[in-house]
Amino acid sequence: GQICINLLLARSEDVMEAALLHGGLLK
């Protein structure tokens, strides 16, 4: 179950990083 949670968290973080990059907030 923890592996599944880790995968969901990693994908959520990826979506956030994409949004930050698009918004110019991720260098």
PDB file of all heavy atoms in Angstrom:
ATOM      1  N   GLY A   1       0.820  -1.205   0.000  1.00  0.00           N
ATOM      2  CA  GLY A   1       0.000   0.000   0.000  1.00  0.00           C
ATOM      3  C   GLY A   1       0.851   1.252   0.000  1.00  0.00           C
ATOM      4  O   GLY A   1       0.514   2.244  -0.665  1.00  0.00           O
ATOM      5  N   GLN A   2       1.973   1.212   0.720  1.00  0.00           N
ATOM      6  CA  GLN A   2       2.859   2.375   0.762  1.00  0.00           C
ATOM      7  C   GLN A   2       3.478   2.645  -0.601  1.00  0.00           C
ATOM      8  O   GLN A   2       3.641   3.802  -0.995  1.00  0.00           O
ATOM      9  CB  GLN A   2       3.960   2.158   1.803  1.00  0.00           C
ATOM     10  CG  GLN A   2       4.838   3.382   2.030  1.00  0.00           C
ATOM     11  CD  GLN A   2       4.051   4.573   2.553  1.00  0.00           C
ATOM     12  OE1 GLN A   2       3.381   4.474   3.571  1.00  0.00           O
ATOM     13  NE2 GLN A   2       4.116   5.690   1.829  1.00  0.00           N
ATOM     14  N   ILE A   3       3.823   1.585  -1.343  1.00  0.00           N
ATOM     15  CA  ILE A   3       4.348   1.764  -2.693  1.00  0.00           C
ATOM     16  C   ILE A   3       3.311   2.457  -3.570  1.00  0.00           C
ATOM     17  O   ILE A   3       3.635   3.368  -4.347  1.00  0.00           O
ATOM     18  CB  ILE A   3       4.757   0.409  -3.307  1.00  0.00           C
ATOM     19  CG1 ILE A   3       6.008  -0.135  -2.613  1.00  0.00           C
ATOM     20  CG2 ILE A   3       4.985   0.545  -4.811  1.00  0.00           C
ATOM     21  CD1 ILE A   3       7.286   0.605  -2.942  1.00  0.00           C
ATOM     22  N   CYS A   4       2.056   2.048  -3.462  1.00  0.00           N
ATOM     23  CA  CYS A   4       0.995   2.688  -4.253  1.00  0.00           C
ATOM     24  C   CYS A   4       0.856   4.162  -3.884  1.00  0.00           C
ATOM     25  O   CYS A   4       0.713   5.024  -4.762  1.00  0.00           O
ATOM     26  CB  CYS A   4      -0.334   1.968  -4.026  1.00  0.00           C
ATOM     27  SG  CYS A   4      -0.400   0.279  -4.683  1.00  0.00           S
ATOM     28  N   ILE A   5       0.896   4.452  -2.592  1.00  0.00           N
ATOM     29  CA  ILE A   5       0.817   5.844  -2.140  1.00  0.00           C
ATOM     30  C   ILE A   5       2.008   6.643  -2.658  1.00  0.00           C
ATOM     31  O   ILE A   5       1.865   7.778  -3.128  1.00  0.00           O
ATOM     32  CB  ILE A   5       0.748   5.902  -0.599  1.00  0.00           C
ATOM     33  CG1 ILE A   5      -0.579   5.328  -0.110  1.00  0.00           C
ATOM     34  CG2 ILE A   5       0.932   7.334  -0.093  1.00  0.00           C
ATOM     35  CD1 ILE A   5      -0.655   5.134   1.388  1.00  0.00           C
ATOM     36  N   ASN A   6       3.205   6.047  -2.584  1.00  0.00           N
ATOM     37  CA  ASN A   6       4.404   6.723  -3.065  1.00  0.00           C
ATOM     38  C   ASN A   6       4.292   7.060  -4.552  1.00  0.00           C
ATOM     39  O   ASN A   6       4.716   8.132  -4.999  1.00  0.00           O
ATOM     40  CB  ASN A   6       5.641   5.861  -2.819  1.00  0.00           C
ATOM     41  CG  ASN A   6       6.039   5.807  -1.360  1.00  0.00           C
ATOM     42  OD1 ASN A   6       5.498   6.529  -0.531  1.00  0.00           O
ATOM     43  ND2 ASN A   6       6.978   4.947  -1.035  1.00  0.00           N
ATOM     44  N   LEU A   7       3.732   6.141  -5.328  1.00  0.00           N
ATOM     45  CA  LEU A   7       3.574   6.378  -6.761  1.00  0.00           C
ATOM     46  C   LEU A   7       2.593   7.521  -7.014  1.00  0.00           C
ATOM     47  O   LEU A   7       2.847   8.392  -7.857  1.00  0.00           O
ATOM     48  CB  LEU A   7       3.094   5.102  -7.454  1.00  0.00           C
ATOM     49  CG  LEU A   7       2.906   5.186  -8.971  1.00  0.00           C
ATOM     50  CD1 LEU A   7       4.211   5.590  -9.656  1.00  0.00           C
ATOM     51  CD2 LEU A   7       2.412   3.852  -9.521  1.00  0.00           C
ATOM     52  N   LEU A   8       1.498   7.545  -6.271  1.00  0.00           N
ATOM     53  CA  LEU A   8       0.522   8.627  -6.421  1.00  0.00           C
ATOM     54  C   LEU A   8       1.138   9.971  -6.031  1.00  0.00           C
ATOM     55  O   LEU A   8       0.925  10.992  -6.701  1.00  0.00           O
ATOM     56  CB  LEU A   8      -0.717   8.343  -5.570  1.00  0.00           C
ATOM     57  CG  LEU A   8      -1.613   7.204  -6.053  1.00  0.00           C
ATOM     58  CD1 LEU A   8      -2.706   6.914  -5.030  1.00  0.00           C
ATOM     59  CD2 LEU A   8      -2.234   7.544  -7.410  1.00  0.00           C
ATOM     60  N   LEU A   9       1.906   9.985  -4.942  1.00  0.00           N
ATOM     61  CA  LEU A   9       2.551  11.226  -4.503  1.00  0.00           C
ATOM     62  C   LEU A   9       3.577  11.705  -5.524  1.00  0.00           C
ATOM     63  O   LEU A   9       3.694  12.907  -5.793  1.00  0.00           O
ATOM     64  CB  LEU A   9       3.212  11.016  -3.143  1.00  0.00           C
ATOM     65  CG  LEU A   9       2.271  10.849  -1.946  1.00  0.00           C
ATOM     66  CD1 LEU A   9       3.058  10.467  -0.698  1.00  0.00           C
ATOM     67  CD2 LEU A   9       1.474  12.124  -1.701  1.00  0.00           C
ATOM     68  N   ALA A  10       4.336  10.761  -6.094  1.00  0.00           N
ATOM     69  CA  ALA A  10       5.343  11.135  -7.093  1.00  0.00           C
ATOM     70  C   ALA A  10       4.688  11.727  -8.333  1.00  0.00           C
ATOM     71  O   ALA A  10       5.171  12.720  -8.893  1.00  0.00           O
ATOM     72  CB  ALA A  10       6.181   9.908  -7.466  1.00  0.00           C
ATOM     73  N   ARG A  11       3.571  11.154  -8.760  1.00  0.00           N
ATOM     74  CA  ARG A  11       2.875  11.682  -9.935  1.00  0.00           C
ATOM     75  C   ARG A  11       2.231  13.033  -9.631  1.00  0.00           C
ATOM     76  O   ARG A  11       2.203  13.930 -10.489  1.00  0.00           O
ATOM     77  CB  ARG A  11       1.836  10.678 -10.430  1.00  0.00           C
ATOM     78  CG  ARG A  11       2.460   9.391 -10.980  1.00  0.00           C
ATOM     79  CD  ARG A  11       1.486   8.584 -11.810  1.00  0.00           C
ATOM     80  NE  ARG A  11       2.097   7.384 -12.364  1.00  0.00           N
ATOM     81  CZ  ARG A  11       2.854   7.354 -13.447  1.00  0.00           C
ATOM     82  NH1 ARG A  11       3.119   8.480 -14.086  1.00  0.00           N
ATOM     83  NH2 ARG A  11       3.355   6.215 -13.891  1.00  0.00           N
ATOM     84  N   SER A  12       1.725  13.195  -8.421  1.00  0.00           N
ATOM     85  CA  SER A  12       1.151  14.482  -8.026  1.00  0.00           C
ATOM     86  C   SER A  12       2.224  15.566  -8.004  1.00  0.00           C
ATOM     87  O   SER A  12       1.997  16.701  -8.447  1.00  0.00           O
ATOM     88  CB  SER A  12       0.491  14.367  -6.647  1.00  0.00           C
ATOM     89  OG  SER A  12      -0.583  13.453  -6.677  1.00  0.00           O
ATOM     90  N   GLU A  13       3.400  15.207  -7.501  1.00  0.00           N
ATOM     91  CA  GLU A  13       4.512  16.146  -7.479  1.00  0.00           C
ATOM     92  C   GLU A  13       4.922  16.527  -8.889  1.00  0.00           C
ATOM     93  O   GLU A  13       5.266  17.683  -9.161  1.00  0.00           O
ATOM     94  CB  GLU A  13       5.692  15.531  -6.733  1.00  0.00           C
ATOM     95  CG  GLU A  13       6.859  16.480  -6.524  1.00  0.00           C
ATOM     96  CD  GLU A  13       7.963  15.868  -5.681  1.00  0.00           C
ATOM     97  OE1 GLU A  13       7.753  14.781  -5.107  1.00  0.00           O
ATOM     98  OE2 GLU A  13       9.034  16.485  -5.601  1.00  0.00           O
ATOM     99  N   ASP A  14       4.863  15.567  -9.802  1.00  0.00           N
ATOM    100  CA  ASP A  14       5.218  15.847 -11.191  1.00  0.00           C
ATOM    101  C   ASP A  14       4.255  16.859 -11.807  1.00  0.00           C
ATOM    102  O   ASP A  14       4.678  17.770 -12.533  1.00  0.00           O
ATOM    103  CB  ASP A  14       5.200  14.545 -11.986  1.00  0.00           C
ATOM    104  CG  ASP A  14       5.670  14.732 -13.423  1.00  0.00           C
ATOM    105  OD1 ASP A  14       6.836  15.107 -13.608  1.00  0.00           O
ATOM    106  OD2 ASP A  14       4.873  14.504 -14.347  1.00  0.00           O
ATOM    107  N   VAL A  15       2.973  16.710 -11.533  1.00  0.00           N
ATOM    108  CA  VAL A  15       1.970  17.659 -12.040  1.00  0.00           C
ATOM    109  C   VAL A  15       2.234  19.056 -11.470  1.00  0.00           C
ATOM    110  O   VAL A  15       2.161  20.064 -12.190  1.00  0.00           O
ATOM    111  CB  VAL A  15       0.551  17.178 -11.684  1.00  0.00           C
ATOM    112  CG1 VAL A  15      -0.486  18.251 -12.020  1.00  0.00           C
ATOM    113  CG2 VAL A  15       0.225  15.877 -12.424  1.00  0.00           C
ATOM    114  N   MET A  16       2.565  19.114 -10.189  1.00  0.00           N
ATOM    115  CA  MET A  16       2.850  20.403  -9.556  1.00  0.00           C
ATOM    116  C   MET A  16       4.083  21.048 -10.168  1.00  0.00           C
ATOM    117  O   MET A  16       4.104  22.256 -10.430  1.00  0.00           O
ATOM    118  CB  MET A  16       3.043  20.217  -8.046  1.00  0.00           C
ATOM    119  CG  MET A  16       3.297  21.515  -7.288  1.00  0.00           C
ATOM    120  SD  MET A  16       3.616  21.217  -5.530  1.00  0.00           S
ATOM    121  CE  MET A  16       2.089  20.402  -5.051  1.00  0.00           C
ATOM    122  N   GLU A  17       5.126  20.252 -10.408  1.00  0.00           N
ATOM    123  CA  GLU A  17       6.355  20.793 -10.989  1.00  0.00           C
ATOM    124  C   GLU A  17       6.095  21.325 -12.395  1.00  0.00           C
ATOM    125  O   GLU A  17       6.645  22.360 -12.790  1.00  0.00           O
ATOM    126  CB  GLU A  17       7.439  19.718 -11.007  1.00  0.00           C
ATOM    127  CG  GLU A  17       7.979  19.384  -9.620  1.00  0.00           C
ATOM    128  CD  GLU A  17       8.960  18.226  -9.631  1.00  0.00           C
ATOM    129  OE1 GLU A  17       9.168  17.634 -10.716  1.00  0.00           O
ATOM    130  OE2 GLU A  17       9.520  17.916  -8.572  1.00  0.00           O
ATOM    131  N   ALA A  18       5.255  20.631 -13.164  1.00  0.00           N
ATOM    132  CA  ALA A  18       4.924  21.105 -14.503  1.00  0.00           C
ATOM    133  C   ALA A  18       4.203  22.452 -14.436  1.00  0.00           C
ATOM    134  O   ALA A  18       4.491  23.356 -15.239  1.00  0.00           O
ATOM    135  CB  ALA A  18       4.043  20.074 -15.223  1.00  0.00           C
ATOM    136  N   ALA A  19       3.294  22.591 -13.475  1.00  0.00           N
ATOM    137  CA  ALA A  19       2.567  23.849 -13.320  1.00  0.00           C
ATOM    138  C   ALA A  19       3.504  24.974 -12.889  1.00  0.00           C
ATOM    139  O   ALA A  19       3.409  26.111 -13.379  1.00  0.00           O
ATOM    140  CB  ALA A  19       1.443  23.672 -12.309  1.00  0.00           C
ATOM    141  N   LEU A  20       4.413  24.684 -11.983  1.00  0.00           N
ATOM    142  CA  LEU A  20       5.368  25.697 -11.520  1.00  0.00           C
ATOM    143  C   LEU A  20       6.294  26.137 -12.653  1.00  0.00           C
ATOM    144  O   LEU A  20       6.616  27.318 -12.788  1.00  0.00           O
ATOM    145  CB  LEU A  20       6.188  25.143 -10.355  1.00  0.00           C
ATOM    146  CG  LEU A  20       5.435  24.938  -9.037  1.00  0.00           C
ATOM    147  CD1 LEU A  20       6.323  24.211  -8.033  1.00  0.00           C
ATOM    148  CD2 LEU A  20       4.967  26.271  -8.460  1.00  0.00           C
ATOM    149  N   LEU A  21       6.722  25.167 -13.472  1.00  0.00           N
ATOM    150  CA  LEU A  21       7.586  25.503 -14.605  1.00  0.00           C
ATOM    151  C   LEU A  21       6.843  26.383 -15.595  1.00  0.00           C
ATOM    152  O   LEU A  21       7.376  27.386 -16.090  1.00  0.00           O
ATOM    153  CB  LEU A  21       8.070  24.217 -15.282  1.00  0.00           C
ATOM    154  CG  LEU A  21       9.010  24.396 -16.478  1.00  0.00           C
ATOM    155  CD1 LEU A  21      10.319  25.052 -16.037  1.00  0.00           C
ATOM    156  CD2 LEU A  21       9.288  23.044 -17.143  1.00  0.00           C
ATOM    157  N   HIS A  22       5.597  26.030 -15.886  1.00  0.00           N
ATOM    158  CA  HIS A  22       4.782  26.809 -16.820  1.00  0.00           C
ATOM    159  C   HIS A  22       4.566  28.227 -16.300  1.00  0.00           C
ATOM    160  O   HIS A  22       4.514  29.180 -17.081  1.00  0.00           O
ATOM    161  CB  HIS A  22       3.439  26.115 -17.042  1.00  0.00           C
ATOM    162  CG  HIS A  22       2.549  26.822 -18.020  1.00  0.00           C
ATOM    163  ND1 HIS A  22       2.786  26.819 -19.378  1.00  0.00           N
ATOM    164  CD2 HIS A  22       1.419  27.568 -17.829  1.00  0.00           C
ATOM    165  CE1 HIS A  22       1.852  27.532 -19.987  1.00  0.00           C
ATOM    166  NE2 HIS A  22       1.013  27.987 -19.075  1.00  0.00           N
ATOM    167  N   GLY A  23       4.448  28.347 -14.988  1.00  0.00           N
ATOM    168  CA  GLY A  23       4.223  29.656 -14.391  1.00  0.00           C
ATOM    169  C   GLY A  23       5.493  30.445 -14.124  1.00  0.00           C
ATOM    170  O   GLY A  23       5.435  31.548 -13.557  1.00  0.00           O
ATOM    171  N   GLY A  24       6.634  29.886 -14.506  1.00  0.00           N
ATOM    172  CA  GLY A  24       7.893  30.583 -14.316  1.00  0.00           C
ATOM    173  C   GLY A  24       8.426  30.545 -12.901  1.00  0.00           C
ATOM    174  O   GLY A  24       9.333  31.308 -12.552  1.00  0.00           O
ATOM    175  N   LEU A  25       7.888  29.665 -12.079  1.00  0.00           N
ATOM    176  CA  LEU A  25       8.278  29.602 -10.669  1.00  0.00           C
ATOM    177  C   LEU A  25       9.278  28.482 -10.380  1.00  0.00           C
ATOM    178  O   LEU A  25       9.771  28.374  -9.263  1.00  0.00           O
ATOM    179  CB  LEU A  25       7.034  29.427  -9.789  1.00  0.00           C
ATOM    180  CG  LEU A  25       5.994  30.546  -9.887  1.00  0.00           C
ATOM    181  CD1 LEU A  25       4.776  30.206  -9.056  1.00  0.00           C
ATOM    182  CD2 LEU A  25       6.598  31.869  -9.445  1.00  0.00           C
ATOM    183  N   LEU A  26       9.548  27.658 -11.372  1.00  0.00           N
ATOM    184  CA  LEU A  26      10.526  26.573 -11.219  1.00  0.00           C
ATOM    185  C   LEU A  26      11.691  26.853 -12.154  1.00  0.00           C
ATOM    186  O   LEU A  26      11.528  26.870 -13.384  1.00  0.00           O
ATOM    187  CB  LEU A  26       9.892  25.219 -11.554  1.00  0.00           C
ATOM    188  CG  LEU A  26      10.756  23.976 -11.320  1.00  0.00           C
ATOM    189  CD1 LEU A  26      11.055  23.799  -9.848  1.00  0.00           C
ATOM    190  CD2 LEU A  26      10.059  22.734 -11.875  1.00  0.00           C
ATOM    191  N   LYS A  27      12.846  27.104 -11.600  1.00  0.00           N
ATOM    192  CA  LYS A  27      14.021  27.459 -12.386  1.00  0.00           C
ATOM    193  C   LYS A  27      14.869  26.227 -12.673  1.00  0.00           C
ATOM    194  O   LYS A  27      15.190  25.457 -11.768  1.00  0.00           O
ATOM    195  CB  LYS A  27      14.854  28.507 -11.653  1.00  0.00           C
ATOM    196  CG  LYS A  27      14.083  29.769 -11.275  1.00  0.00           C
ATOM    197  CD  LYS A  27      13.506  30.463 -12.509  1.00  0.00           C
ATOM    198  CE  LYS A  27      12.762  31.742 -12.114  1.00  0.00           C
ATOM    199  NZ  LYS A  27      12.142  32.391 -13.309  1.00  0.00           N
TER     200      LYS A  27
END
